């Protein structure tokens, strides 16, 4: 599952009823569902992102092409046809 060095951001256990950032991703035949809390930026390991649920977090993801994309809190977005390959994520 994607992990990396962080500044304050925490990779946490996904639990129902929590408003964590939740990211569904895949890479090399593996799939992962990861949750994050707290402000900061961390590596996401160039995984392909299928779905993002921001919960109560404003998010910027940095894709492998060098673009940055902001997604506001309380957003649930899916990428069924062209998932982004994400290098880093940042909770604002």
N, C-alpha and C. Protein backbone atom coordinates (compact mmCIF):
# COMPACT_ATOMS: atom_id res chain seq x y z
N UNK A 1 0.82 -1.17 0.00
CA UNK A 1 0.00 0.00 0.00
C UNK A 1 0.87 1.24 0.00
N UNK A 2 0.39 2.34 -0.58
CA UNK A 2 1.21 3.54 -0.69
C UNK A 2 1.52 4.15 0.68
N UNK A 3 2.77 4.43 0.91
CA UNK A 3 3.19 5.11 2.13
C UNK A 3 4.41 5.94 1.82
N UNK A 4 4.85 6.74 2.77
CA UNK A 4 6.04 7.54 2.54
C UNK A 4 6.33 8.43 3.72
N UNK A 5 7.36 9.24 3.57
CA UNK A 5 7.70 10.19 4.61
C UNK A 5 6.62 11.26 4.67
N UNK A 6 6.33 11.71 5.88
CA UNK A 6 5.23 12.64 6.04
C UNK A 6 5.63 13.79 6.95
N UNK A 7 4.97 14.89 6.76
CA UNK A 7 5.06 16.00 7.69
C UNK A 7 3.68 16.16 8.28
N UNK A 8 3.45 15.59 9.43
CA UNK A 8 2.20 15.65 10.19
C UNK A 8 1.10 14.74 9.65
N UNK A 9 1.01 14.55 8.35
CA UNK A 9 -0.05 13.69 7.80
C UNK A 9 0.14 12.27 8.33
N UNK A 10 -0.98 11.62 8.64
CA UNK A 10 -0.93 10.27 9.19
C UNK A 10 -1.71 9.30 8.32
N UNK A 11 -1.11 8.15 8.04
CA UNK A 11 -1.80 7.04 7.39
C UNK A 11 -2.53 6.32 8.51
N UNK A 12 -3.86 6.28 8.46
CA UNK A 12 -4.66 5.76 9.57
C UNK A 12 -5.53 4.60 9.12
N UNK A 13 -6.03 3.86 10.08
CA UNK A 13 -6.96 2.77 9.80
C UNK A 13 -8.28 3.34 9.29
N UNK A 14 -8.80 2.79 8.21
CA UNK A 14 -10.09 3.22 7.68
C UNK A 14 -11.19 2.65 8.57
N UNK A 15 -12.04 3.54 9.08
CA UNK A 15 -13.14 3.12 9.94
C UNK A 15 -14.42 3.82 9.50
N UNK A 16 -15.51 3.10 9.49
CA UNK A 16 -16.80 3.68 9.15
C UNK A 16 -17.17 4.79 10.11
N UNK A 17 -17.82 5.82 9.60
CA UNK A 17 -18.24 6.93 10.44
C UNK A 17 -17.20 8.01 10.63
N UNK A 18 -15.97 7.77 10.21
CA UNK A 18 -14.92 8.78 10.31
C UNK A 18 -14.89 9.60 9.03
N UNK A 19 -14.42 10.81 9.11
CA UNK A 19 -14.35 11.70 7.94
C UNK A 19 -12.93 11.85 7.42
N UNK A 20 -12.20 10.74 7.39
CA UNK A 20 -10.84 10.73 6.89
C UNK A 20 -10.82 10.87 5.37
N UNK A 21 -9.67 11.29 4.83
CA UNK A 21 -9.42 11.19 3.40
C UNK A 21 -9.29 9.70 3.08
N UNK A 22 -10.02 9.22 2.08
CA UNK A 22 -9.99 7.80 1.72
C UNK A 22 -9.69 7.69 0.24
N UNK A 23 -8.63 6.93 -0.10
CA UNK A 23 -8.20 6.81 -1.49
C UNK A 23 -8.16 5.34 -1.90
N UNK A 24 -8.85 5.04 -3.00
CA UNK A 24 -8.84 3.70 -3.60
C UNK A 24 -7.84 3.75 -4.75
N UNK A 25 -6.91 2.81 -4.80
CA UNK A 25 -5.87 2.87 -5.82
C UNK A 25 -5.44 1.46 -6.24
N UNK A 26 -4.64 1.42 -7.31
CA UNK A 26 -4.08 0.15 -7.78
C UNK A 26 -2.71 0.40 -8.40
N UNK A 27 -1.90 -0.67 -8.41
CA UNK A 27 -0.56 -0.59 -8.99
C UNK A 27 -0.01 -2.01 -9.14
N UNK A 28 0.43 -2.35 -10.32
CA UNK A 28 1.07 -3.65 -10.54
C UNK A 28 0.22 -4.83 -10.13
N UNK A 29 -1.09 -4.79 -10.39
CA UNK A 29 -1.97 -5.89 -10.05
C UNK A 29 -2.45 -5.90 -8.61
N UNK A 30 -1.97 -4.97 -7.81
CA UNK A 30 -2.40 -4.86 -6.41
C UNK A 30 -3.40 -3.73 -6.28
N UNK A 31 -4.35 -3.89 -5.36
CA UNK A 31 -5.31 -2.84 -5.05
C UNK A 31 -5.18 -2.45 -3.60
N UNK A 32 -5.51 -1.19 -3.30
CA UNK A 32 -5.38 -0.71 -1.93
C UNK A 32 -6.46 0.32 -1.63
N UNK A 33 -6.88 0.35 -0.38
CA UNK A 33 -7.75 1.41 0.13
C UNK A 33 -7.02 1.98 1.35
N UNK A 34 -6.72 3.27 1.29
CA UNK A 34 -5.93 3.90 2.34
C UNK A 34 -6.63 5.14 2.86
N UNK A 35 -6.48 5.38 4.15
CA UNK A 35 -7.07 6.55 4.79
C UNK A 35 -5.97 7.40 5.42
N UNK A 36 -6.21 8.72 5.42
CA UNK A 36 -5.24 9.68 5.93
C UNK A 36 -5.95 10.73 6.77
N UNK A 37 -5.25 11.24 7.76
CA UNK A 37 -5.76 12.31 8.62
C UNK A 37 -4.64 13.31 8.87
N UNK A 38 -5.03 14.50 9.23
CA UNK A 38 -4.12 15.58 9.62
C UNK A 38 -3.47 16.25 8.41
N UNK A 39 -3.13 17.48 8.59
CA UNK A 39 -2.53 18.31 7.55
C UNK A 39 -1.11 17.85 7.25
N UNK A 40 -0.71 17.95 5.99
CA UNK A 40 0.65 17.63 5.59
C UNK A 40 0.70 17.00 4.21
N UNK A 41 1.90 16.66 3.80
CA UNK A 41 2.14 16.08 2.47
C UNK A 41 2.96 14.81 2.63
N UNK A 42 2.65 13.82 1.77
CA UNK A 42 3.37 12.56 1.79
C UNK A 42 3.42 11.95 0.39
N UNK A 43 4.36 11.09 0.18
CA UNK A 43 4.47 10.37 -1.09
C UNK A 43 3.31 9.37 -1.22
N UNK A 44 2.79 9.23 -2.44
CA UNK A 44 1.78 8.23 -2.70
C UNK A 44 2.32 7.13 -3.62
N UNK A 45 3.58 7.20 -3.96
CA UNK A 45 4.27 6.10 -4.64
C UNK A 45 3.91 5.86 -6.10
N UNK A 46 3.35 6.85 -6.79
CA UNK A 46 2.98 6.71 -8.19
C UNK A 46 1.96 5.59 -8.44
N UNK A 47 1.00 5.46 -7.52
CA UNK A 47 -0.10 4.53 -7.69
C UNK A 47 -1.18 5.19 -8.54
N UNK A 48 -1.96 4.38 -9.25
CA UNK A 48 -3.10 4.84 -10.04
C UNK A 48 -4.29 4.98 -9.10
N UNK A 49 -4.91 6.16 -9.09
CA UNK A 49 -6.03 6.43 -8.18
C UNK A 49 -7.36 6.21 -8.89
N UNK A 50 -8.20 5.36 -8.30
CA UNK A 50 -9.51 5.04 -8.86
C UNK A 50 -10.63 5.89 -8.27
N UNK A 51 -10.50 6.24 -6.99
CA UNK A 51 -11.55 6.99 -6.31
C UNK A 51 -10.95 7.73 -5.13
N UNK A 52 -11.47 8.94 -4.88
CA UNK A 52 -11.06 9.74 -3.72
C UNK A 52 -12.32 10.22 -3.01
N UNK A 53 -12.37 9.98 -1.70
CA UNK A 53 -13.41 10.56 -0.85
C UNK A 53 -12.67 11.46 0.13
N UNK A 54 -12.90 12.75 0.05
CA UNK A 54 -12.08 13.69 0.83
C UNK A 54 -12.51 13.80 2.29
N UNK A 55 -13.75 13.42 2.63
CA UNK A 55 -14.20 13.60 4.00
C UNK A 55 -14.14 15.08 4.36
N UNK A 56 -13.67 15.39 5.55
CA UNK A 56 -13.59 16.79 5.96
C UNK A 56 -12.23 17.42 5.65
N UNK A 57 -11.58 16.94 4.60
CA UNK A 57 -10.24 17.40 4.24
C UNK A 57 -10.21 18.05 2.86
N UNK A 58 -9.55 19.19 2.74
CA UNK A 58 -9.23 19.74 1.43
C UNK A 58 -7.93 19.07 0.98
N UNK A 59 -7.85 18.68 -0.27
CA UNK A 59 -6.75 17.85 -0.77
C UNK A 59 -6.14 18.46 -2.02
N UNK A 60 -4.83 18.32 -2.14
CA UNK A 60 -4.16 18.51 -3.42
C UNK A 60 -3.42 17.22 -3.71
N UNK A 61 -3.63 16.67 -4.93
CA UNK A 61 -2.79 15.56 -5.33
C UNK A 61 -1.88 16.02 -6.45
N UNK A 62 -0.67 15.48 -6.45
CA UNK A 62 0.36 15.82 -7.42
C UNK A 62 0.56 14.59 -8.29
N UNK A 63 0.25 14.73 -9.59
CA UNK A 63 0.35 13.55 -10.43
C UNK A 63 1.75 13.40 -11.04
N UNK A 64 1.96 12.26 -11.66
CA UNK A 64 3.28 11.92 -12.20
C UNK A 64 3.69 12.84 -13.35
N UNK A 65 2.73 13.57 -13.92
CA UNK A 65 3.03 14.51 -15.01
C UNK A 65 3.44 15.89 -14.51
N UNK A 66 3.42 16.07 -13.20
CA UNK A 66 3.81 17.35 -12.63
C UNK A 66 2.65 18.30 -12.35
N UNK A 67 1.43 17.88 -12.66
CA UNK A 67 0.26 18.71 -12.38
C UNK A 67 -0.16 18.56 -10.92
N UNK A 68 -0.81 19.59 -10.39
CA UNK A 68 -1.41 19.50 -9.06
C UNK A 68 -2.90 19.78 -9.22
N UNK A 69 -3.71 19.01 -8.50
CA UNK A 69 -5.16 19.11 -8.60
C UNK A 69 -5.73 19.25 -7.19
N UNK A 70 -6.50 20.31 -6.99
CA UNK A 70 -7.14 20.51 -5.69
C UNK A 70 -8.55 19.92 -5.73
N UNK A 71 -8.90 19.22 -4.64
CA UNK A 71 -10.25 18.68 -4.48
C UNK A 71 -10.75 19.14 -3.11
N UNK A 72 -11.90 19.76 -3.09
CA UNK A 72 -12.45 20.31 -1.85
C UNK A 72 -13.04 19.23 -0.95
N UNK A 73 -13.14 19.57 0.32
CA UNK A 73 -13.73 18.65 1.30
C UNK A 73 -15.14 18.27 0.90
N UNK A 74 -15.59 17.13 1.41
CA UNK A 74 -16.91 16.56 1.18
C UNK A 74 -17.14 16.20 -0.29
N UNK A 75 -16.08 15.81 -0.98
CA UNK A 75 -16.16 15.41 -2.38
C UNK A 75 -15.90 13.91 -2.50
N UNK A 76 -16.66 13.26 -3.37
CA UNK A 76 -16.46 11.85 -3.69
C UNK A 76 -16.32 11.79 -5.21
N UNK A 77 -15.11 11.50 -5.70
CA UNK A 77 -14.84 11.53 -7.14
C UNK A 77 -14.22 10.20 -7.57
N UNK A 78 -14.68 9.70 -8.71
CA UNK A 78 -14.14 8.46 -9.27
C UNK A 78 -13.49 8.74 -10.61
N UNK A 79 -12.51 7.91 -10.95
CA UNK A 79 -11.78 8.02 -12.21
C UNK A 79 -11.87 6.67 -12.93
N UNK A 80 -13.05 6.32 -13.50
CA UNK A 80 -13.23 4.98 -14.05
C UNK A 80 -12.46 4.71 -15.34
N UNK A 81 -12.21 5.73 -16.16
CA UNK A 81 -11.59 5.51 -17.46
C UNK A 81 -10.13 5.95 -17.54
N UNK A 82 -9.78 7.02 -16.88
CA UNK A 82 -8.42 7.56 -16.96
C UNK A 82 -7.92 7.95 -15.57
N UNK A 83 -7.57 6.97 -14.75
CA UNK A 83 -7.14 7.31 -13.39
C UNK A 83 -5.80 8.04 -13.40
N UNK A 84 -5.66 9.03 -12.52
CA UNK A 84 -4.37 9.71 -12.43
C UNK A 84 -3.35 8.83 -11.71
N UNK A 85 -2.10 8.97 -12.11
CA UNK A 85 -0.98 8.31 -11.43
C UNK A 85 -0.43 9.34 -10.44
N UNK A 86 -0.61 9.10 -9.15
CA UNK A 86 -0.36 10.11 -8.13
C UNK A 86 0.99 9.90 -7.46
N UNK A 87 1.78 10.96 -7.48
CA UNK A 87 3.10 10.96 -6.86
C UNK A 87 3.03 11.32 -5.37
N UNK A 88 2.30 12.39 -5.04
CA UNK A 88 2.17 12.88 -3.66
C UNK A 88 0.75 13.30 -3.40
N UNK A 89 0.37 13.28 -2.12
CA UNK A 89 -0.90 13.85 -1.69
C UNK A 89 -0.63 14.84 -0.58
N UNK A 90 -1.49 15.86 -0.47
CA UNK A 90 -1.33 16.88 0.56
C UNK A 90 -2.71 17.25 1.11
N UNK A 91 -2.86 17.12 2.42
CA UNK A 91 -4.06 17.60 3.09
C UNK A 91 -3.76 19.02 3.56
N UNK A 92 -4.65 19.93 3.20
CA UNK A 92 -4.46 21.34 3.53
C UNK A 92 -5.03 21.68 4.90
